[in-house]
N, C-alpha and C. Protein backbone atom coordinates (compact mmCIF):
# COMPACT_ATOMS: atom_id res chain seq x y z
N UNK A 1 22.67 -10.93 -6.09
CA UNK A 1 21.53 -10.98 -6.98
C UNK A 1 20.22 -11.06 -6.19
N UNK A 2 20.27 -11.66 -5.02
CA UNK A 2 19.07 -11.79 -4.19
C UNK A 2 18.55 -10.43 -3.74
N UNK A 3 19.47 -9.52 -3.43
CA UNK A 3 19.04 -8.19 -2.99
C UNK A 3 18.35 -7.44 -4.12
N UNK A 4 18.76 -7.68 -5.36
CA UNK A 4 18.12 -7.03 -6.50
C UNK A 4 16.68 -7.52 -6.67
N UNK A 5 16.47 -8.81 -6.49
CA UNK A 5 15.12 -9.36 -6.56
C UNK A 5 14.26 -8.80 -5.43
N UNK A 6 14.81 -8.75 -4.23
CA UNK A 6 14.07 -8.20 -3.09
C UNK A 6 13.73 -6.73 -3.31
N UNK A 7 14.67 -5.99 -3.85
CA UNK A 7 14.45 -4.58 -4.14
C UNK A 7 13.33 -4.41 -5.17
N UNK A 8 13.36 -5.20 -6.21
CA UNK A 8 12.31 -5.14 -7.23
C UNK A 8 10.95 -5.53 -6.69
N UNK A 9 10.90 -6.58 -5.86
CA UNK A 9 9.64 -7.00 -5.26
C UNK A 9 9.09 -5.95 -4.31
N UNK A 10 9.97 -5.27 -3.58
CA UNK A 10 9.52 -4.18 -2.71
C UNK A 10 8.82 -3.10 -3.52
N UNK A 11 9.46 -2.66 -4.60
CA UNK A 11 8.86 -1.59 -5.39
C UNK A 11 7.58 -2.04 -6.09
N UNK A 12 7.53 -3.28 -6.53
CA UNK A 12 6.30 -3.81 -7.14
C UNK A 12 5.18 -3.76 -6.12
N UNK A 13 5.43 -4.24 -4.91
CA UNK A 13 4.41 -4.24 -3.87
C UNK A 13 4.04 -2.82 -3.46
N UNK A 14 5.01 -1.92 -3.42
CA UNK A 14 4.76 -0.54 -3.03
C UNK A 14 3.90 0.19 -4.06
N UNK A 15 4.19 0.00 -5.33
CA UNK A 15 3.48 0.71 -6.39
C UNK A 15 2.17 0.02 -6.74
N UNK A 16 2.19 -1.28 -6.96
CA UNK A 16 1.00 -2.00 -7.38
C UNK A 16 0.12 -2.33 -6.17
N UNK A 17 0.73 -2.78 -5.10
CA UNK A 17 -0.03 -3.09 -3.89
C UNK A 17 -1.01 -4.22 -4.09
N UNK A 18 -2.22 -4.03 -3.57
CA UNK A 18 -3.23 -5.09 -3.63
C UNK A 18 -4.07 -5.05 -4.90
N UNK A 19 -4.07 -3.93 -5.59
CA UNK A 19 -4.99 -3.79 -6.72
C UNK A 19 -4.23 -3.30 -7.96
N UNK A 20 -3.92 -4.24 -8.84
CA UNK A 20 -3.15 -3.88 -10.03
C UNK A 20 -3.97 -3.03 -10.99
N UNK A 21 -5.28 -3.13 -10.93
CA UNK A 21 -6.13 -2.34 -11.83
C UNK A 21 -6.03 -0.86 -11.49
N UNK A 22 -6.01 -0.54 -10.21
CA UNK A 22 -5.86 0.86 -9.80
C UNK A 22 -4.49 1.39 -10.23
N UNK A 23 -3.45 0.59 -10.06
CA UNK A 23 -2.11 1.01 -10.48
C UNK A 23 -2.07 1.26 -11.99
N UNK A 24 -2.69 0.37 -12.76
CA UNK A 24 -2.71 0.54 -14.21
C UNK A 24 -3.52 1.77 -14.60
N UNK A 25 -4.64 2.02 -13.91
CA UNK A 25 -5.46 3.19 -14.21
C UNK A 25 -4.72 4.48 -13.90
N UNK A 26 -3.94 4.49 -12.85
CA UNK A 26 -3.15 5.68 -12.53
C UNK A 26 -2.09 5.93 -13.60
N UNK A 27 -1.46 4.88 -14.08
CA UNK A 27 -0.46 5.03 -15.15
C UNK A 27 -1.13 5.56 -16.42
N UNK A 28 -2.29 5.02 -16.76
CA UNK A 28 -3.03 5.50 -17.93
C UNK A 28 -3.44 6.96 -17.72
N UNK A 29 -3.88 7.30 -16.52
CA UNK A 29 -4.26 8.68 -16.22
C UNK A 29 -3.09 9.65 -16.35
N UNK A 30 -1.93 9.23 -15.87
CA UNK A 30 -0.73 10.07 -16.02
C UNK A 30 -0.36 10.24 -17.49
N UNK A 31 -0.47 9.15 -18.25
CA UNK A 31 -0.16 9.24 -19.68
C UNK A 31 -1.15 10.14 -20.41
N UNK A 32 -2.44 10.01 -20.08
CA UNK A 32 -3.44 10.89 -20.70
C UNK A 32 -3.23 12.35 -20.33
N UNK A 33 -2.89 12.60 -19.08
CA UNK A 33 -2.61 13.97 -18.65
C UNK A 33 -1.43 14.54 -19.42
N UNK A 34 -0.38 13.74 -19.56
CA UNK A 34 0.80 14.19 -20.31
C UNK A 34 0.44 14.45 -21.78
N UNK A 35 -0.34 13.56 -22.37
CA UNK A 35 -0.74 13.73 -23.77
C UNK A 35 -1.59 14.98 -23.96
N UNK A 36 -2.59 15.15 -23.09
CA UNK A 36 -3.44 16.33 -23.20
C UNK A 36 -2.65 17.62 -22.99
N UNK A 37 -1.74 17.60 -22.04
CA UNK A 37 -0.90 18.79 -21.80
C UNK A 37 0.00 19.07 -22.99
N UNK A 38 0.50 18.02 -23.61
CA UNK A 38 1.37 18.18 -24.77
C UNK A 38 0.64 18.83 -25.95
N UNK A 39 -0.65 18.52 -26.10
CA UNK A 39 -1.39 19.11 -27.22
C UNK A 39 -2.05 20.44 -26.86
N UNK A 40 -1.79 20.91 -25.63
CA UNK A 40 -2.23 22.25 -25.27
C UNK A 40 -3.45 22.34 -24.39
N UNK A 41 -3.96 21.22 -23.91
CA UNK A 41 -5.13 21.23 -23.03
C UNK A 41 -4.65 21.35 -21.59
N UNK A 42 -5.30 22.20 -20.82
CA UNK A 42 -4.99 22.34 -19.40
C UNK A 42 -5.67 21.17 -18.68
N UNK A 43 -4.91 20.10 -18.41
CA UNK A 43 -5.49 18.83 -17.96
C UNK A 43 -5.23 18.55 -16.48
N UNK A 44 -5.12 19.56 -15.66
CA UNK A 44 -4.87 19.35 -14.24
C UNK A 44 -6.03 18.62 -13.57
N UNK A 45 -7.21 18.71 -14.12
CA UNK A 45 -8.43 18.16 -13.54
C UNK A 45 -8.57 16.66 -13.70
N UNK A 46 -7.81 16.06 -14.61
CA UNK A 46 -7.99 14.65 -14.94
C UNK A 46 -7.62 13.71 -13.79
N UNK A 47 -6.48 13.93 -13.16
CA UNK A 47 -6.04 13.02 -12.10
C UNK A 47 -6.92 13.09 -10.85
N UNK A 48 -7.38 14.26 -10.39
CA UNK A 48 -8.31 14.24 -9.25
C UNK A 48 -9.62 13.51 -9.55
N UNK A 49 -10.15 13.68 -10.76
CA UNK A 49 -11.37 12.96 -11.13
C UNK A 49 -11.10 11.46 -11.17
N UNK A 50 -9.96 11.09 -11.71
CA UNK A 50 -9.59 9.67 -11.76
C UNK A 50 -9.47 9.09 -10.35
N UNK A 51 -8.83 9.82 -9.45
CA UNK A 51 -8.66 9.33 -8.08
C UNK A 51 -10.00 9.16 -7.38
N UNK A 52 -10.88 10.13 -7.53
CA UNK A 52 -12.21 10.03 -6.91
C UNK A 52 -13.00 8.88 -7.52
N UNK A 53 -12.84 8.64 -8.79
CA UNK A 53 -13.54 7.54 -9.44
C UNK A 53 -12.98 6.17 -9.08
N UNK A 54 -11.68 6.10 -8.81
CA UNK A 54 -11.06 4.82 -8.51
C UNK A 54 -11.32 4.34 -7.08
N UNK A 55 -11.57 5.25 -6.17
CA UNK A 55 -11.80 4.85 -4.77
C UNK A 55 -13.00 3.91 -4.65
N UNK A 56 -14.18 4.26 -5.17
CA UNK A 56 -15.30 3.31 -5.03
C UNK A 56 -15.07 2.00 -5.79
N UNK A 57 -14.38 2.07 -6.92
CA UNK A 57 -14.10 0.84 -7.67
C UNK A 57 -13.20 -0.08 -6.86
N UNK A 58 -12.18 0.49 -6.24
CA UNK A 58 -11.27 -0.30 -5.42
C UNK A 58 -11.99 -0.90 -4.22
N UNK A 59 -12.82 -0.12 -3.57
CA UNK A 59 -13.58 -0.63 -2.41
C UNK A 59 -14.54 -1.73 -2.85
N UNK A 60 -15.21 -1.55 -3.96
CA UNK A 60 -16.14 -2.55 -4.47
C UNK A 60 -15.42 -3.86 -4.76
N UNK A 61 -14.25 -3.77 -5.40
CA UNK A 61 -13.50 -4.98 -5.71
C UNK A 61 -13.01 -5.67 -4.44
N UNK A 62 -12.60 -4.90 -3.45
CA UNK A 62 -12.16 -5.49 -2.18
C UNK A 62 -13.33 -6.18 -1.48
N UNK A 63 -14.49 -5.56 -1.48
CA UNK A 63 -15.66 -6.17 -0.84
C UNK A 63 -16.08 -7.45 -1.57
N UNK A 64 -15.97 -7.47 -2.87
CA UNK A 64 -16.35 -8.62 -3.66
C UNK A 64 -15.44 -9.81 -3.40
N UNK A 65 -14.17 -9.55 -3.11
CA UNK A 65 -13.22 -10.63 -2.86
C UNK A 65 -13.47 -11.32 -1.53
N UNK A 66 -14.05 -10.64 -0.59
CA UNK A 66 -14.25 -11.22 0.76
C UNK A 66 -15.44 -12.07 0.82
């Protein structure tokens, strides 16, 4: 059972890392892209814009913590 906990903690740290807000925003972005694609919108542009927008937010939050 210990290995299962370690495995789960590894993936949590790998996916979420230091900033859970960025991880949540990426999940929301993926969901929005899937939704827009499902209704017929060509939504390839959403995730690159999200990534470019999240970089300064993540840096700002890291600087604020120090």
